[in-house]
Each structure stands twice: as C-alpha cells, then as structure tokens.
Amino acid sequence: MPTSESFPAYILDQLSDVPGASCRPMMGEYLLYVSGKLIGGLYDDRLLLKPTDAGRSLLPDARTEKPYDGGRDMLLVEDTDDRELLAAVVLATAEELPGQARRSRKKKTDVQSNDRENQV
C-alpha cells in the first residue's frame, strides 16, 4: 500500500521548524530531504530515517525496518506527533550524513572528440 497523499503534508507540517525540509514523490512513496540531502523517506505511511548514531541516541528504543523488500534497514520514527523530538532527530540525522557527491558530466564535444581519436 503506497503512502497516502495526506501523510507527506502532515510530516512536512510537523517539520515546519526544520529549514529546507522537503519531500519528493518516488514510485508511490516519498523521499525526505533536508536542504537537498536525502535523509529518509515515507514508506507505507511510515517515517523511516537513515540510521545514524545521532538518530539512535535520540530514539534509543526505535526499531529498524526495511522500506521495501531488499531495502536496507532504517530507523522507524513512530512518534511523529512530538514536533520537537521529530525536528531534533531529523536535523541530527542530516548533520551526521555526508553531503551528496557531485557527478561530473563529460561534455558532448569531449565524447565526440574521443570517438574521432579512436577512429584514426
């Protein structure tokens, strides 16, 4: 069962004090970002965060669950009604995770020039 349309709006409302919190739809579910950094997602109306030491320390009794078959274990945030705790966990998780690596793209002209060199 995919995540309901109201759940992302509820989570983002709960995270209104977290700068840069956003959700993006992905195949019936939603990915959760903070300032462009992927920190978790909304799967089957469950909030799951990437496991970090900071997240575990703020949610010591949190279970881990897989977002989907074959997925990696993530921290389940069951108490989404506690705005302060939710904001603290989300911010701590975002701070601990590394930034997104930038991919360098080859220019089309570079690829074409390499093809010409290989043909000669």
Protein backbone atom coordinates (compact mmCIF):
# COMPACT_ATOMS: atom_id res chain seq x y z
CA MET A 1 0.00 0.00 0.00
CA PRO A 2 1.62 3.27 -1.06
CA THR A 3 1.84 6.27 1.23
CA SER A 4 -1.36 8.31 1.40
CA GLU A 5 -1.30 11.83 -0.05
CA SER A 6 -2.03 13.40 3.34
CA PHE A 7 0.94 11.80 5.18
CA PRO A 8 3.71 13.86 3.48
CA ALA A 9 1.77 17.07 4.15
CA TYR A 10 1.41 16.07 7.82
CA ILE A 11 5.14 15.25 8.17
CA LEU A 12 6.18 18.50 6.48
CA ASP A 13 3.82 20.41 8.77
CA GLN A 14 5.44 18.70 11.77
CA LEU A 15 8.86 19.69 10.34
CA SER A 16 7.91 23.30 9.65
CA ASP A 17 10.69 24.48 12.00
CA VAL A 18 13.33 22.50 10.06
CA PRO A 19 14.83 24.72 7.34
CA GLY A 20 14.92 23.06 3.94
CA ALA A 21 12.71 20.07 4.81
CA SER A 22 11.00 18.71 1.70
CA CYS A 23 9.51 15.57 0.20
CA ARG A 24 9.71 14.32 -3.36
CA PRO A 25 7.42 11.64 -4.75
CA MET A 26 9.14 8.45 -5.89
CA MET A 27 7.19 5.45 -7.21
CA GLY A 28 4.20 5.83 -4.87
CA GLU A 29 6.34 6.73 -1.87
CA TYR A 30 8.18 9.91 -0.83
CA LEU A 31 11.84 10.69 -0.21
CA LEU A 32 12.61 13.07 2.65
CA TYR A 33 15.28 15.72 2.22
CA VAL A 34 16.80 18.43 4.41
CA SER A 35 18.48 21.19 2.41
CA GLY A 36 18.80 18.86 -0.56
CA LYS A 37 20.33 16.00 1.47
CA LEU A 38 18.44 12.68 1.39
CA ILE A 39 17.84 11.59 4.99
CA GLY A 40 14.99 9.08 4.73
CA GLY A 41 11.56 8.55 3.32
CA LEU A 42 7.89 7.93 3.80
CA TYR A 43 7.01 4.31 3.03
CA ASP A 44 3.54 2.84 3.56
CA ASP A 45 2.65 5.76 5.86
CA ARG A 46 5.78 5.17 7.97
CA LEU A 47 8.60 7.65 8.54
CA LEU A 48 11.94 5.88 8.11
CA LEU A 49 15.29 7.64 8.53
CA LYS A 50 18.75 6.56 7.51
CA PRO A 51 20.37 5.02 10.58
CA THR A 52 22.91 7.29 12.29
CA ASP A 53 24.46 7.36 15.74
CA ALA A 54 22.70 10.66 16.42
CA GLY A 55 19.33 9.23 15.42
CA ARG A 56 19.84 6.17 17.59
CA SER A 57 20.82 8.29 20.59
CA LEU A 58 17.68 10.43 20.27
CA LEU A 59 15.45 7.40 19.61
CA PRO A 60 17.10 4.66 21.69
CA ASP A 61 14.05 2.35 21.53
CA ALA A 62 13.44 2.79 17.79
CA ARG A 63 13.05 -0.37 15.74
CA THR A 64 14.67 -0.80 12.38
CA GLU A 65 12.56 -1.75 9.39
CA LYS A 66 13.12 -2.15 5.69
CA PRO A 67 11.34 0.39 3.49
CA TYR A 68 10.65 -2.30 0.87
CA ASP A 69 11.76 -5.85 0.05
CA GLY A 70 15.51 -5.83 -0.47
CA GLY A 71 15.96 -2.38 1.10
CA ARG A 72 18.40 -1.55 3.87
CA ASP A 73 17.31 -1.26 7.49
CA MET A 74 16.22 2.22 8.51
CA LEU A 75 15.12 3.75 11.81
CA LEU A 76 11.35 3.78 12.26
CA VAL A 77 10.07 7.02 13.80
CA GLU A 78 6.82 6.02 15.46
CA ASP A 79 6.06 9.19 17.43
CA THR A 80 5.57 11.72 14.67
CA ASP A 81 3.29 13.84 16.90
CA ASP A 82 6.19 15.16 19.03
CA ARG A 83 7.29 18.09 16.84
CA GLU A 84 10.36 18.99 18.90
CA LEU A 85 11.73 15.46 19.03
CA LEU A 86 10.97 14.90 15.35
CA ALA A 87 12.77 18.10 14.37
CA ALA A 88 15.76 17.21 16.57
CA VAL A 89 16.07 13.71 15.08
CA VAL A 90 15.74 14.93 11.51
CA LEU A 91 18.31 17.71 12.00
CA ALA A 92 20.75 15.42 13.81
CA THR A 93 20.42 12.81 11.08
CA ALA A 94 21.01 15.40 8.35
CA GLU A 95 24.06 16.80 10.12
CA GLU A 96 25.65 13.37 10.52
CA LEU A 97 25.14 12.20 6.95
CA PRO A 98 27.73 13.16 4.33
CA GLY A 99 26.84 15.65 1.64
CA GLN A 100 25.76 14.45 -1.77
CA ALA A 101 28.65 13.79 -4.10
CA ARG A 102 28.53 15.77 -7.31
CA ARG A 103 28.86 13.81 -10.52
CA SER A 104 30.92 15.34 -13.24
CA ARG A 105 29.44 15.00 -16.68
CA LYS A 106 31.51 14.84 -19.80
CA LYS A 107 30.64 17.42 -22.34
CA LYS A 108 29.18 16.04 -25.52
CA THR A 109 32.06 17.52 -27.51
CA ASP A 110 34.56 15.63 -25.30
CA VAL A 111 32.87 12.33 -26.06
CA GLN A 112 32.78 13.10 -29.78
CA SER A 113 36.44 14.11 -29.86
CA ASN A 114 37.42 10.86 -28.10
CA ASP A 115 35.43 8.88 -30.67
CA ARG A 116 37.28 10.63 -33.52
CA GLU A 117 40.66 9.86 -31.93
CA ASN A 118 39.75 6.17 -31.64
CA GLN A 119 38.72 6.02 -35.31
CA VAL A 120 42.02 7.42 -36.62
